[in-house]
Amino acid sequence: MKKLLLPFCAALLVAACGHGSNSSGSAPSEDDVASMSLAGLVAFAEAQIARTDADVIEPRALAGITPPASDVDEPAAI
């Protein structure tokens, strides 16, 4: 029984470690979602275009968004 306890604890510890950079448990921000994938970036852009108050609010800073890039994927069809 003791021989099974150590590997089980090690596996549990390894499984608990790799949950990304968002360790606070809160939902990812808009910037994080837009930076994760091309679909997230397009969804963010569409949401910004569809805002009904876009003409009266201050422009939103985009400094926190890093567009996803891949050296091996084909360009996305627009």
PDB file of N, CA and C in Angstrom:
ATOM      1  N   MET A   1       0.813  -1.197   0.000  1.00  0.00           N
ATOM      2  CA  MET A   1       0.000   0.000   0.000  1.00  0.00           C
ATOM      3  C   MET A   1       0.852   1.254   0.000  1.00  0.00           C
ATOM      4  N   LYS A   2       1.926   1.263   0.808  1.00  0.00           N
ATOM      5  CA  LYS A   2       2.802   2.423   0.877  1.00  0.00           C
ATOM      6  C   LYS A   2       3.534   2.645  -0.443  1.00  0.00           C
ATOM      7  N   LYS A   3       3.780   1.572  -1.194  1.00  0.00           N
ATOM      8  CA  LYS A   3       4.450   1.696  -2.488  1.00  0.00           C
ATOM      9  C   LYS A   3       3.582   2.426  -3.502  1.00  0.00           C
ATOM     10  N   LEU A   4       2.285   2.355  -3.359  1.00  0.00           N
ATOM     11  CA  LEU A   4       1.369   3.040  -4.269  1.00  0.00           C
ATOM     12  C   LEU A   4       1.122   4.487  -3.864  1.00  0.00           C
ATOM     13  N   LEU A   5       1.333   4.815  -2.608  1.00  0.00           N
ATOM     14  CA  LEU A   5       1.048   6.150  -2.105  1.00  0.00           C
ATOM     15  C   LEU A   5       2.003   7.193  -2.685  1.00  0.00           C
ATOM     16  N   LEU A   6       3.287   6.894  -2.729  1.00  0.00           N
ATOM     17  CA  LEU A   6       4.262   7.856  -3.242  1.00  0.00           C
ATOM     18  C   LEU A   6       4.030   8.187  -4.722  1.00  0.00           C
ATOM     19  N   PRO A   7       3.869   7.214  -5.628  1.00  0.00           N
ATOM     20  CA  PRO A   7       3.593   7.573  -7.028  1.00  0.00           C
ATOM     21  C   PRO A   7       2.273   8.331  -7.191  1.00  0.00           C
ATOM     22  N   PHE A   8       1.266   7.983  -6.393  1.00  0.00           N
ATOM     23  CA  PHE A   8      -0.013   8.682  -6.479  1.00  0.00           C
ATOM     24  C   PHE A   8       0.147  10.139  -6.066  1.00  0.00           C
ATOM     25  N   CYS A   9       0.868  10.400  -4.988  1.00  0.00           N
ATOM     26  CA  CYS A   9       1.096  11.780  -4.542  1.00  0.00           C
ATOM     27  C   CYS A   9       1.921  12.564  -5.551  1.00  0.00           C
ATOM     28  N   ALA A  10       2.915  11.915  -6.142  1.00  0.00           N
ATOM     29  CA  ALA A  10       3.734  12.583  -7.157  1.00  0.00           C
ATOM     30  C   ALA A  10       2.897  12.935  -8.383  1.00  0.00           C
ATOM     31  N   ALA A  11       2.037  12.030  -8.807  1.00  0.00           N
ATOM     32  CA  ALA A  11       1.176  12.306  -9.960  1.00  0.00           C
ATOM     33  C   ALA A  11       0.185  13.421  -9.651  1.00  0.00           C
ATOM     34  N   LEU A  12      -0.336  13.435  -8.441  1.00  0.00           N
ATOM     35  CA  LEU A  12      -1.258  14.488  -8.032  1.00  0.00           C
ATOM     36  C   LEU A  12      -0.557  15.839  -8.011  1.00  0.00           C
ATOM     37  N   LEU A  13       0.666  15.885  -7.525  1.00  0.00           N
ATOM     38  CA  LEU A  13       1.434  17.122  -7.486  1.00  0.00           C
ATOM     39  C   LEU A  13       1.738  17.638  -8.884  1.00  0.00           C
ATOM     40  N   VAL A  14       2.126  16.765  -9.783  1.00  0.00           N
ATOM     41  CA  VAL A  14       2.416  17.166 -11.164  1.00  0.00           C
ATOM     42  C   VAL A  14       1.146  17.642 -11.866  1.00  0.00           C
ATOM     43  N   ALA A  15       0.039  17.004 -11.636  1.00  0.00           N
ATOM     44  CA  ALA A  15      -1.215  17.405 -12.270  1.00  0.00           C
ATOM     45  C   ALA A  15      -1.686  18.764 -11.781  1.00  0.00           C
ATOM     46  N   ALA A  16      -1.369  19.121 -10.557  1.00  0.00           N
ATOM     47  CA  ALA A  16      -1.811  20.398 -10.000  1.00  0.00           C
ATOM     48  C   ALA A  16      -0.938  21.561 -10.440  1.00  0.00           C
ATOM     49  N   CYS A  17       0.227  21.302 -11.006  1.00  0.00           N
ATOM     50  CA  CYS A  17       1.171  22.373 -11.316  1.00  0.00           C
ATOM     51  C   CYS A  17       0.877  23.126 -12.609  1.00  0.00           C
ATOM     52  N   GLY A  18       0.487  22.505 -13.665  1.00  0.00           N
ATOM     53  CA  GLY A  18       0.468  23.152 -14.965  1.00  0.00           C
ATOM     54  C   GLY A  18      -0.856  23.724 -15.407  1.00  0.00           C
ATOM     55  N   HIS A  19      -1.366  24.702 -14.720  1.00  0.00           N
ATOM     56  CA  HIS A  19      -2.640  25.288 -15.127  1.00  0.00           C
ATOM     57  C   HIS A  19      -2.492  26.679 -15.705  1.00  0.00           C
ATOM     58  N   GLY A  20      -1.404  26.987 -16.366  1.00  0.00           N
ATOM     59  CA  GLY A  20      -1.236  28.263 -17.041  1.00  0.00           C
ATOM     60  C   GLY A  20      -0.797  29.361 -16.097  1.00  0.00           C
ATOM     61  N   SER A  21      -0.732  30.587 -16.634  1.00  0.00           N
ATOM     62  CA  SER A  21      -0.221  31.717 -15.877  1.00  0.00           C
ATOM     63  C   SER A  21      -1.297  32.378 -15.039  1.00  0.00           C
ATOM     64  N   ASN A  22      -2.538  32.010 -15.218  1.00  0.00           N
ATOM     65  CA  ASN A  22      -3.634  32.623 -14.478  1.00  0.00           C
ATOM     66  C   ASN A  22      -3.878  31.839 -13.203  1.00  0.00           C
ATOM     67  N   SER A  23      -3.019  32.038 -12.196  1.00  0.00           N
ATOM     68  CA  SER A  23      -3.105  31.248 -10.982  1.00  0.00           C
ATOM     69  C   SER A  23      -4.075  31.822  -9.966  1.00  0.00           C
ATOM     70  N   SER A  24      -4.648  32.981 -10.218  1.00  0.00           N
ATOM     71  CA  SER A  24      -5.546  33.590  -9.242  1.00  0.00           C
ATOM     72  C   SER A  24      -6.913  32.920  -9.224  1.00  0.00           C
ATOM     73  N   GLY A  25      -7.236  32.112 -10.203  1.00  0.00           N
ATOM     74  CA  GLY A  25      -8.513  31.425 -10.238  1.00  0.00           C
ATOM     75  C   GLY A  25      -9.607  32.240 -10.904  1.00  0.00           C
ATOM     76  N   SER A  26      -9.320  33.474 -11.265  1.00  0.00           N
ATOM     77  CA  SER A  26     -10.333  34.296 -11.918  1.00  0.00           C
ATOM     78  C   SER A  26     -10.337  34.026 -13.420  1.00  0.00           C
ATOM     79  N   ALA A  27     -11.362  34.514 -14.065  1.00  0.00           N
ATOM     80  CA  ALA A  27     -11.479  34.337 -15.512  1.00  0.00           C
ATOM     81  C   ALA A  27     -10.402  35.153 -16.223  1.00  0.00           C
ATOM     82  N   PRO A  28      -9.923  34.684 -17.374  1.00  0.00           N
ATOM     83  CA  PRO A  28      -8.912  35.448 -18.109  1.00  0.00           C
ATOM     84  C   PRO A  28      -9.486  36.775 -18.601  1.00  0.00           C
ATOM     85  N   SER A  29      -8.630  37.778 -18.678  1.00  0.00           N
ATOM     86  CA  SER A  29      -9.063  39.094 -19.138  1.00  0.00           C
ATOM     87  C   SER A  29      -9.298  39.083 -20.645  1.00  0.00           C
ATOM     88  N   GLU A  30      -9.904  40.147 -21.150  1.00  0.00           N
ATOM     89  CA  GLU A  30     -10.118  40.266 -22.602  1.00  0.00           C
ATOM     90  C   GLU A  30      -8.786  40.218 -23.337  1.00  0.00           C
ATOM     91  N   ASP A  31      -7.769  40.858 -22.782  1.00  0.00           N
ATOM     92  CA  ASP A  31      -6.451  40.863 -23.414  1.00  0.00           C
ATOM     93  C   ASP A  31      -5.873  39.458 -23.495  1.00  0.00           C
ATOM     94  N   ASP A  32      -6.028  38.666 -22.426  1.00  0.00           N
ATOM     95  CA  ASP A  32      -5.523  37.295 -22.422  1.00  0.00           C
ATOM     96  C   ASP A  32      -6.234  36.438 -23.467  1.00  0.00           C
ATOM     97  N   VAL A  33      -7.546  36.574 -23.544  1.00  0.00           N
ATOM     98  CA  VAL A  33      -8.330  35.790 -24.500  1.00  0.00           C
ATOM     99  C   VAL A  33      -7.952  36.175 -25.932  1.00  0.00           C
ATOM    100  N   ALA A  34      -7.785  37.465 -26.191  1.00  0.00           N
ATOM    101  CA  ALA A  34      -7.427  37.922 -27.539  1.00  0.00           C
ATOM    102  C   ALA A  34      -6.017  37.492 -27.922  1.00  0.00           C
ATOM    103  N   SER A  35      -5.142  37.305 -26.948  1.00  0.00           N
ATOM    104  CA  SER A  35      -3.761  36.903 -27.233  1.00  0.00           C
ATOM    105  C   SER A  35      -3.592  35.395 -27.374  1.00  0.00           C
ATOM    106  N   MET A  36      -4.582  34.597 -26.944  1.00  0.00           N
ATOM    107  CA  MET A  36      -4.438  33.140 -26.935  1.00  0.00           C
ATOM    108  C   MET A  36      -4.543  32.502 -28.310  1.00  0.00           C
ATOM    109  N   SER A  37      -5.447  32.998 -29.142  1.00  0.00           N
ATOM    110  CA  SER A  37      -5.655  32.343 -30.429  1.00  0.00           C
ATOM    111  C   SER A  37      -6.185  33.348 -31.447  1.00  0.00           C
ATOM    112  N   LEU A  38      -6.136  32.958 -32.690  1.00  0.00           N
ATOM    113  CA  LEU A  38      -6.666  33.812 -33.747  1.00  0.00           C
ATOM    114  C   LEU A  38      -8.170  33.972 -33.597  1.00  0.00           C
ATOM    115  N   ALA A  39      -8.859  32.910 -33.224  1.00  0.00           N
ATOM    116  CA  ALA A  39     -10.303  32.999 -33.019  1.00  0.00           C
ATOM    117  C   ALA A  39     -10.633  33.965 -31.885  1.00  0.00           C
ATOM    118  N   GLY A  40      -9.836  33.956 -30.822  1.00  0.00           N
ATOM    119  CA  GLY A  40     -10.040  34.887 -29.718  1.00  0.00           C
ATOM    120  C   GLY A  40      -9.792  36.320 -30.133  1.00  0.00           C
ATOM    121  N   LEU A  41      -8.776  36.545 -30.963  1.00  0.00           N
ATOM    122  CA  LEU A  41      -8.467  37.886 -31.454  1.00  0.00           C
ATOM    123  C   LEU A  41      -9.588  38.409 -32.344  1.00  0.00           C
ATOM    124  N   VAL A  42     -10.108  37.564 -33.233  1.00  0.00           N
ATOM    125  CA  VAL A  42     -11.204  37.965 -34.121  1.00  0.00           C
ATOM    126  C   VAL A  42     -12.467  38.231 -33.308  1.00  0.00           C
ATOM    127  N   ALA A  43     -12.742  37.400 -32.318  1.00  0.00           N
ATOM    128  CA  ALA A  43     -13.919  37.610 -31.476  1.00  0.00           C
ATOM    129  C   ALA A  43     -13.801  38.920 -30.701  1.00  0.00           C
ATOM    130  N   PHE A  44     -12.607  39.238 -30.220  1.00  0.00           N
ATOM    131  CA  PHE A  44     -12.389  40.499 -29.508  1.00  0.00           C
ATOM    132  C   PHE A  44     -12.635  41.682 -30.444  1.00  0.00           C
ATOM    133  N   ALA A  45     -12.097  41.607 -31.653  1.00  0.00           N
ATOM    134  CA  ALA A  45     -12.282  42.695 -32.617  1.00  0.00           C
ATOM    135  C   ALA A  45     -13.753  42.869 -32.975  1.00  0.00           C
ATOM    136  N   GLU A  46     -14.454  41.766 -33.193  1.00  0.00           N
ATOM    137  CA  GLU A  46     -15.880  41.854 -33.515  1.00  0.00           C
ATOM    138  C   GLU A  46     -16.674  42.463 -32.367  1.00  0.00           C
ATOM    139  N   ALA A  47     -16.307  42.112 -31.133  1.00  0.00           N
ATOM    140  CA  ALA A  47     -17.005  42.674 -29.970  1.00  0.00           C
ATOM    141  C   ALA A  47     -16.760  44.174 -29.859  1.00  0.00           C
ATOM    142  N   GLN A  48     -15.547  44.612 -30.174  1.00  0.00           N
ATOM    143  CA  GLN A  48     -15.250  46.046 -30.117  1.00  0.00           C
ATOM    144  C   GLN A  48     -16.002  46.811 -31.202  1.00  0.00           C
ATOM    145  N   ILE A  49     -16.121  46.222 -32.378  1.00  0.00           N
ATOM    146  CA  ILE A  49     -16.843  46.863 -33.479  1.00  0.00           C
ATOM    147  C   ILE A  49     -18.328  46.938 -33.172  1.00  0.00           C
ATOM    148  N   ALA A  50     -18.863  45.911 -32.513  1.00  0.00           N
ATOM    149  CA  ALA A  50     -20.300  45.833 -32.252  1.00  0.00           C
ATOM    150  C   ALA A  50     -20.752  46.671 -31.055  1.00  0.00           C
ATOM    151  N   ARG A  51     -19.828  47.262 -30.322  1.00  0.00           N
ATOM    152  CA  ARG A  51     -20.213  48.061 -29.148  1.00  0.00           C
ATOM    153  C   ARG A  51     -21.096  49.224 -29.573  1.00  0.00           C
ATOM    154  N   THR A  52     -22.182  49.417 -28.862  1.00  0.00           N
ATOM    155  CA  THR A  52     -23.098  50.513 -29.197  1.00  0.00           C
ATOM    156  C   THR A  52     -22.605  51.848 -28.678  1.00  0.00           C
ATOM    157  N   ASP A  53     -21.716  51.843 -27.687  1.00  0.00           N
ATOM    158  CA  ASP A  53     -21.208  53.094 -27.135  1.00  0.00           C
ATOM    159  C   ASP A  53     -19.823  53.457 -27.672  1.00  0.00           C
ATOM    160  N   ALA A  54     -19.396  52.827 -28.757  1.00  0.00           N
ATOM    161  CA  ALA A  54     -18.055  53.032 -29.286  1.00  0.00           C
ATOM    162  C   ALA A  54     -17.814  54.468 -29.744  1.00  0.00           C
ATOM    163  N   ASP A  55     -18.848  55.181 -30.116  1.00  0.00           N
ATOM    164  CA  ASP A  55     -18.671  56.550 -30.594  1.00  0.00           C
ATOM    165  C   ASP A  55     -18.518  57.560 -29.467  1.00  0.00           C
ATOM    166  N   VAL A  56     -18.891  57.206 -28.267  1.00  0.00           N
ATOM    167  CA  VAL A  56     -18.879  58.186 -27.185  1.00  0.00           C
ATOM    168  C   VAL A  56     -17.861  57.889 -26.088  1.00  0.00           C
ATOM    169  N   ILE A  57     -17.201  56.740 -26.096  1.00  0.00           N
ATOM    170  CA  ILE A  57     -16.227  56.417 -25.063  1.00  0.00           C
ATOM    171  C   ILE A  57     -14.815  56.679 -25.579  1.00  0.00           C
ATOM    172  N   GLU A  58     -13.881  56.727 -24.647  1.00  0.00           N
ATOM    173  CA  GLU A  58     -12.475  56.895 -25.005  1.00  0.00           C
ATOM    174  C   GLU A  58     -11.959  55.626 -25.688  1.00  0.00           C
ATOM    175  N   PRO A  59     -10.969  55.753 -26.561  1.00  0.00           N
ATOM    176  CA  PRO A  59     -10.408  54.559 -27.209  1.00  0.00           C
ATOM    177  C   PRO A  59      -9.801  53.605 -26.177  1.00  0.00           C
ATOM    178  N   ARG A  60      -9.906  52.326 -26.450  1.00  0.00           N
ATOM    179  CA  ARG A  60      -9.376  51.306 -25.548  1.00  0.00           C
ATOM    180  C   ARG A  60      -7.920  51.034 -25.893  1.00  0.00           C
ATOM    181  N   ALA A  61      -7.073  50.966 -24.882  1.00  0.00           N
ATOM    182  CA  ALA A  61      -5.658  50.653 -25.095  1.00  0.00           C
ATOM    183  C   ALA A  61      -5.498  49.191 -25.512  1.00  0.00           C
ATOM    184  N   LEU A  62      -4.635  48.955 -26.483  1.00  0.00           N
ATOM    185  CA  LEU A  62      -4.412  47.597 -26.988  1.00  0.00           C
ATOM    186  C   LEU A  62      -3.028  47.078 -26.630  1.00  0.00           C
ATOM    187  N   ALA A  63      -2.332  47.764 -25.739  1.00  0.00           N
ATOM    188  CA  ALA A  63      -0.954  47.397 -25.400  1.00  0.00           C
ATOM    189  C   ALA A  63      -0.856  46.017 -24.764  1.00  0.00           C
ATOM    190  N   GLY A  64      -1.901  45.535 -24.119  1.00  0.00           N
ATOM    191  CA  GLY A  64      -1.853  44.238 -23.459  1.00  0.00           C
ATOM    192  C   GLY A  64      -2.121  43.063 -24.368  1.00  0.00           C
ATOM    193  N   ILE A  65      -2.407  43.311 -25.639  1.00  0.00           N
ATOM    194  CA  ILE A  65      -2.730  42.234 -26.571  1.00  0.00           C
ATOM    195  C   ILE A  65      -1.527  41.948 -27.464  1.00  0.00           C
ATOM    196  N   THR A  66      -1.119  40.696 -27.470  1.00  0.00           N
ATOM    197  CA  THR A  66      -0.053  40.238 -28.358  1.00  0.00           C
ATOM    198  C   THR A  66      -0.691  39.280 -29.349  1.00  0.00           C
ATOM    199  N   PRO A  67      -0.813  39.686 -30.617  1.00  0.00           N
ATOM    200  CA  PRO A  67      -1.469  38.802 -31.588  1.00  0.00           C
ATOM    201  C   PRO A  67      -0.749  37.459 -31.690  1.00  0.00           C
ATOM    202  N   PRO A  68      -1.511  36.369 -31.714  1.00  0.00           N
ATOM    203  CA  PRO A  68      -0.875  35.051 -31.840  1.00  0.00           C
ATOM    204  C   PRO A  68      -0.209  34.913 -33.203  1.00  0.00           C
ATOM    205  N   ALA A  69       0.980  34.325 -33.194  1.00  0.00           N
ATOM    206  CA  ALA A  69       1.719  34.136 -34.447  1.00  0.00           C
ATOM    207  C   ALA A  69       2.309  32.729 -34.471  1.00  0.00           C
ATOM    208  N   SER A  70       2.323  32.143 -35.642  1.00  0.00           N
ATOM    209  CA  SER A  70       2.899  30.814 -35.805  1.00  0.00           C
ATOM    210  C   SER A  70       3.784  30.822 -37.037  1.00  0.00           C
ATOM    211  N   ASP A  71       4.946  30.190 -36.913  1.00  0.00           N
ATOM    212  CA  ASP A  71       5.860  30.090 -38.043  1.00  0.00           C
ATOM    213  C   ASP A  71       5.529  28.927 -38.958  1.00  0.00           C
ATOM    214  N   VAL A  72       4.621  28.045 -38.543  1.00  0.00           N
ATOM    215  CA  VAL A  72       4.340  26.857 -39.333  1.00  0.00           C
ATOM    216  C   VAL A  72       2.918  26.822 -39.898  1.00  0.00           C
ATOM    217  N   ASP A  73       1.985  27.565 -39.303  1.00  0.00           N
ATOM    218  CA  ASP A  73       0.604  27.550 -39.780  1.00  0.00           C
ATOM    219  C   ASP A  73       0.435  28.411 -41.024  1.00  0.00           C
ATOM    220  N   GLU A  74      -0.506  28.020 -41.844  1.00  0.00           N
ATOM    221  CA  GLU A  74      -0.861  28.820 -43.005  1.00  0.00           C
ATOM    222  C   GLU A  74      -1.620  30.069 -42.544  1.00  0.00           C
ATOM    223  N   PRO A  75      -1.543  31.149 -43.295  1.00  0.00           N
ATOM    224  CA  PRO A  75      -2.307  32.332 -42.929  1.00  0.00           C
ATOM    225  C   PRO A  75      -3.801  32.031 -42.883  1.00  0.00           C
ATOM    226  N   ALA A  76      -4.487  32.664 -41.976  1.00  0.00           N
ATOM    227  CA  ALA A  76      -5.928  32.438 -41.820  1.00  0.00           C
ATOM    228  C   ALA A  76      -6.681  33.109 -42.951  1.00  0.00           C
ATOM    229  N   ALA A  77      -7.729  32.448 -43.399  1.00  0.00           N
ATOM    230  CA  ALA A  77      -8.575  33.028 -44.441  1.00  0.00           C
ATOM    231  C   ALA A  77      -9.468  34.086 -43.808  1.00  0.00           C
ATOM    232  N   ILE A  78      -9.571  35.191 -44.466  1.00  0.00           N
ATOM    233  CA  ILE A  78     -10.402  36.288 -43.957  1.00  0.00           C
ATOM    234  C   ILE A  78     -11.660  36.400 -44.793  1.00  0.00           C
TER     235      ILE A  78
END
